[in-house]
Amino acid sequence: MEFAKIRHLAEELKEVPYIGSDVTHVFKLEDRKLLSLKYSRDLKLFQVTRIEGQIVTDYTQAEQAAAEIQYVLESYSEK
């Protein structure tokens, strides 16, 4: 998935109507769920979760979250 598309998905989470909801994007490779992305309105942070280890990383910028997601997706697609 392209970086610009991932960043756009992240940025949308901060906008109406998504900001008033609990929306989570899930990224998967074939049928394997790898990552989730959501925006915490209260914390004002993007939260990327690596589903396998339930490791949550917080980012203040959509670009940071998108870069992490793209990195993980690319690393799994190379395996």
N, C-alpha and C. Protein backbone atom coordinates (compact mmCIF):
# COMPACT_ATOMS: atom_id res chain seq x y z
N MET A 1 0.86 -1.18 0.00
CA MET A 1 0.00 0.00 0.00
C MET A 1 0.90 1.24 0.00
N GLU A 2 0.50 2.21 -0.75
CA GLU A 2 1.30 3.43 -0.88
C GLU A 2 1.28 4.26 0.40
N PHE A 3 2.41 4.91 0.66
CA PHE A 3 2.55 5.76 1.84
C PHE A 3 1.47 6.84 1.88
N ALA A 4 1.22 7.48 0.74
CA ALA A 4 0.24 8.58 0.69
C ALA A 4 -1.16 8.10 1.08
N LYS A 5 -1.52 6.90 0.65
CA LYS A 5 -2.84 6.35 1.00
C LYS A 5 -2.93 6.04 2.49
N ILE A 6 -1.87 5.47 3.05
CA ILE A 6 -1.86 5.17 4.48
C ILE A 6 -1.96 6.46 5.29
N ARG A 7 -1.17 7.47 4.89
CA ARG A 7 -1.21 8.76 5.58
C ARG A 7 -2.60 9.38 5.50
N HIS A 8 -3.22 9.29 4.34
CA HIS A 8 -4.58 9.82 4.16
C HIS A 8 -5.57 9.11 5.09
N LEU A 9 -5.47 7.80 5.20
CA LEU A 9 -6.34 7.05 6.11
C LEU A 9 -6.16 7.52 7.55
N ALA A 10 -4.91 7.76 7.93
CA ALA A 10 -4.62 8.24 9.29
C ALA A 10 -5.19 9.64 9.50
N GLU A 11 -4.95 10.53 8.57
CA GLU A 11 -5.42 11.91 8.72
C GLU A 11 -6.94 11.99 8.79
N GLU A 12 -7.62 11.13 8.05
CA GLU A 12 -9.09 11.11 8.08
C GLU A 12 -9.64 10.81 9.47
N LEU A 13 -8.90 10.04 10.24
CA LEU A 13 -9.38 9.67 11.58
C LEU A 13 -9.52 10.87 12.50
N LYS A 14 -8.84 11.97 12.18
CA LYS A 14 -8.92 13.19 13.00
C LYS A 14 -10.06 14.11 12.57
N GLU A 15 -10.77 13.74 11.50
CA GLU A 15 -11.79 14.61 10.92
C GLU A 15 -13.20 14.11 11.24
N VAL A 16 -14.16 15.02 11.10
CA VAL A 16 -15.57 14.67 11.23
C VAL A 16 -15.92 13.82 10.01
N PRO A 17 -16.63 12.74 10.11
CA PRO A 17 -17.35 12.22 11.27
C PRO A 17 -16.53 11.24 12.10
N TYR A 18 -15.32 10.89 11.64
CA TYR A 18 -14.55 9.84 12.31
C TYR A 18 -14.09 10.23 13.71
N ILE A 19 -13.77 11.48 13.94
CA ILE A 19 -13.26 11.92 15.24
C ILE A 19 -14.25 11.66 16.36
N GLY A 20 -15.52 11.66 16.05
CA GLY A 20 -16.54 11.41 17.06
C GLY A 20 -16.88 9.95 17.25
N SER A 21 -16.18 9.08 16.53
CA SER A 21 -16.44 7.65 16.60
C SER A 21 -15.18 6.91 17.01
N ASP A 22 -15.34 5.62 17.23
CA ASP A 22 -14.19 4.77 17.55
C ASP A 22 -13.90 3.93 16.32
N VAL A 23 -13.15 4.50 15.37
CA VAL A 23 -12.85 3.83 14.11
C VAL A 23 -11.44 3.26 14.17
N THR A 24 -11.30 2.01 13.76
CA THR A 24 -10.00 1.35 13.70
C THR A 24 -9.81 0.76 12.32
N HIS A 25 -8.68 1.07 11.69
CA HIS A 25 -8.32 0.45 10.42
C HIS A 25 -7.44 -0.76 10.73
N VAL A 26 -7.70 -1.87 10.06
CA VAL A 26 -6.89 -3.07 10.23
C VAL A 26 -6.18 -3.35 8.91
N PHE A 27 -4.89 -3.58 9.01
CA PHE A 27 -4.07 -3.87 7.84
C PHE A 27 -3.67 -5.34 7.89
N LYS A 28 -3.87 -6.02 6.77
CA LYS A 28 -3.53 -7.44 6.76
C LYS A 28 -2.85 -7.82 5.47
N LEU A 29 -2.17 -8.93 5.52
CA LEU A 29 -1.51 -9.51 4.36
C LEU A 29 -2.16 -10.85 4.15
N GLU A 30 -2.81 -11.01 3.00
CA GLU A 30 -3.66 -12.16 2.72
C GLU A 30 -4.72 -12.22 3.82
N ASP A 31 -4.77 -13.27 4.62
CA ASP A 31 -5.78 -13.35 5.68
C ASP A 31 -5.19 -13.09 7.07
N ARG A 32 -3.96 -12.68 7.12
CA ARG A 32 -3.26 -12.48 8.40
C ARG A 32 -3.33 -11.01 8.82
N LYS A 33 -3.97 -10.75 9.95
CA LYS A 33 -4.04 -9.38 10.47
C LYS A 33 -2.70 -9.02 11.09
N LEU A 34 -2.13 -7.89 10.64
CA LEU A 34 -0.80 -7.48 11.09
C LEU A 34 -0.84 -6.27 12.01
N LEU A 35 -1.60 -5.26 11.62
CA LEU A 35 -1.58 -3.98 12.32
C LEU A 35 -2.97 -3.39 12.42
N SER A 36 -3.14 -2.55 13.43
CA SER A 36 -4.35 -1.73 13.47
C SER A 36 -3.93 -0.28 13.71
N LEU A 37 -4.78 0.62 13.25
CA LEU A 37 -4.52 2.06 13.38
C LEU A 37 -5.78 2.73 13.88
N LYS A 38 -5.64 3.51 14.92
CA LYS A 38 -6.76 4.33 15.38
C LYS A 38 -6.22 5.65 15.90
N TYR A 39 -7.12 6.60 16.05
CA TYR A 39 -6.75 7.91 16.58
C TYR A 39 -7.44 8.09 17.92
N SER A 40 -6.66 8.43 18.94
CA SER A 40 -7.21 8.71 20.26
C SER A 40 -7.50 10.20 20.37
N ARG A 41 -8.77 10.51 20.41
CA ARG A 41 -9.19 11.91 20.51
C ARG A 41 -8.73 12.52 21.84
N ASP A 42 -8.83 11.74 22.92
CA ASP A 42 -8.45 12.24 24.24
C ASP A 42 -6.95 12.51 24.34
N LEU A 43 -6.16 11.58 23.82
CA LEU A 43 -4.70 11.71 23.90
C LEU A 43 -4.10 12.52 22.75
N LYS A 44 -4.91 12.71 21.69
CA LYS A 44 -4.44 13.38 20.48
C LYS A 44 -3.23 12.66 19.88
N LEU A 45 -3.37 11.32 19.79
CA LEU A 45 -2.30 10.47 19.28
C LEU A 45 -2.85 9.44 18.31
N PHE A 46 -2.03 9.10 17.33
CA PHE A 46 -2.31 7.96 16.47
C PHE A 46 -1.73 6.74 17.16
N GLN A 47 -2.50 5.67 17.23
CA GLN A 47 -2.03 4.46 17.89
C GLN A 47 -1.95 3.33 16.88
N VAL A 48 -0.74 2.83 16.69
CA VAL A 48 -0.49 1.70 15.80
C VAL A 48 -0.23 0.49 16.68
N THR A 49 -1.00 -0.57 16.45
CA THR A 49 -0.84 -1.79 17.24
C THR A 49 -0.37 -2.92 16.33
N ARG A 50 0.74 -3.54 16.72
CA ARG A 50 1.18 -4.76 16.05
C ARG A 50 0.38 -5.89 16.68
N ILE A 51 -0.51 -6.46 15.92
CA ILE A 51 -1.51 -7.37 16.45
C ILE A 51 -0.89 -8.61 17.08
N GLU A 52 0.16 -9.17 16.48
CA GLU A 52 0.75 -10.40 17.02
C GLU A 52 1.18 -10.25 18.47
N GLY A 53 1.89 -9.22 18.80
CA GLY A 53 2.39 -9.04 20.16
C GLY A 53 1.60 -8.05 20.98
N GLN A 54 0.53 -7.49 20.38
CA GLN A 54 -0.27 -6.44 21.02
C GLN A 54 0.62 -5.29 21.49
N ILE A 55 1.59 -4.94 20.65
CA ILE A 55 2.50 -3.84 20.95
C ILE A 55 1.91 -2.56 20.37
N VAL A 56 1.64 -1.60 21.24
CA VAL A 56 1.03 -0.33 20.83
C VAL A 56 2.10 0.75 20.82
N THR A 57 2.18 1.48 19.71
CA THR A 57 3.09 2.60 19.60
C THR A 57 2.28 3.84 19.27
N ASP A 58 2.53 4.91 20.00
CA ASP A 58 1.80 6.16 19.81
C ASP A 58 2.62 7.14 18.97
N TYR A 59 1.91 7.86 18.10
CA TYR A 59 2.55 8.86 17.24
C TYR A 59 1.73 10.14 17.26
N THR A 60 2.41 11.26 17.24
CA THR A 60 1.72 12.55 17.21
C THR A 60 1.35 12.97 15.80
N GLN A 61 2.05 12.45 14.81
CA GLN A 61 1.85 12.84 13.41
C GLN A 61 1.38 11.66 12.57
N ALA A 62 0.48 11.94 11.63
CA ALA A 62 -0.01 10.91 10.71
C ALA A 62 1.13 10.31 9.89
N GLU A 63 2.10 11.13 9.52
CA GLU A 63 3.23 10.66 8.72
C GLU A 63 4.04 9.60 9.47
N GLN A 64 4.20 9.80 10.77
CA GLN A 64 4.95 8.83 11.58
C GLN A 64 4.22 7.49 11.63
N ALA A 65 2.93 7.54 11.87
CA ALA A 65 2.13 6.31 11.92
C ALA A 65 2.15 5.61 10.56
N ALA A 66 2.00 6.37 9.50
CA ALA A 66 2.00 5.81 8.15
C ALA A 66 3.34 5.15 7.82
N ALA A 67 4.43 5.77 8.23
CA ALA A 67 5.76 5.21 7.98
C ALA A 67 5.93 3.87 8.69
N GLU A 68 5.47 3.77 9.92
CA GLU A 68 5.55 2.52 10.68
C GLU A 68 4.72 1.43 10.00
N ILE A 69 3.51 1.78 9.60
CA ILE A 69 2.63 0.81 8.94
C ILE A 69 3.24 0.33 7.64
N GLN A 70 3.73 1.26 6.84
CA GLN A 70 4.33 0.88 5.56
C GLN A 70 5.55 -0.02 5.78
N TYR A 71 6.38 0.30 6.76
CA TYR A 71 7.56 -0.50 7.06
C TYR A 71 7.17 -1.94 7.41
N VAL A 72 6.20 -2.09 8.29
CA VAL A 72 5.78 -3.43 8.71
C VAL A 72 5.16 -4.20 7.54
N LEU A 73 4.30 -3.55 6.79
CA LEU A 73 3.67 -4.23 5.65
C LEU A 73 4.72 -4.68 4.64
N GLU A 74 5.69 -3.83 4.36
CA GLU A 74 6.74 -4.20 3.41
C GLU A 74 7.62 -5.33 3.94
N SER A 75 7.93 -5.30 5.23
CA SER A 75 8.78 -6.34 5.79
C SER A 75 8.07 -7.70 5.77
N TYR A 76 6.77 -7.72 6.00
CA TYR A 76 6.03 -8.99 5.94
C TYR A 76 5.84 -9.46 4.51
N SER A 77 5.69 -8.55 3.58
CA SER A 77 5.46 -8.96 2.19
C SER A 77 6.73 -9.53 1.56
N GLU A 78 7.89 -9.23 2.14
CA GLU A 78 9.16 -9.75 1.63
C GLU A 78 9.45 -11.15 2.14
N LYS A 79 8.71 -11.61 3.15
CA LYS A 79 8.96 -12.94 3.74
C LYS A 79 8.42 -14.05 2.87
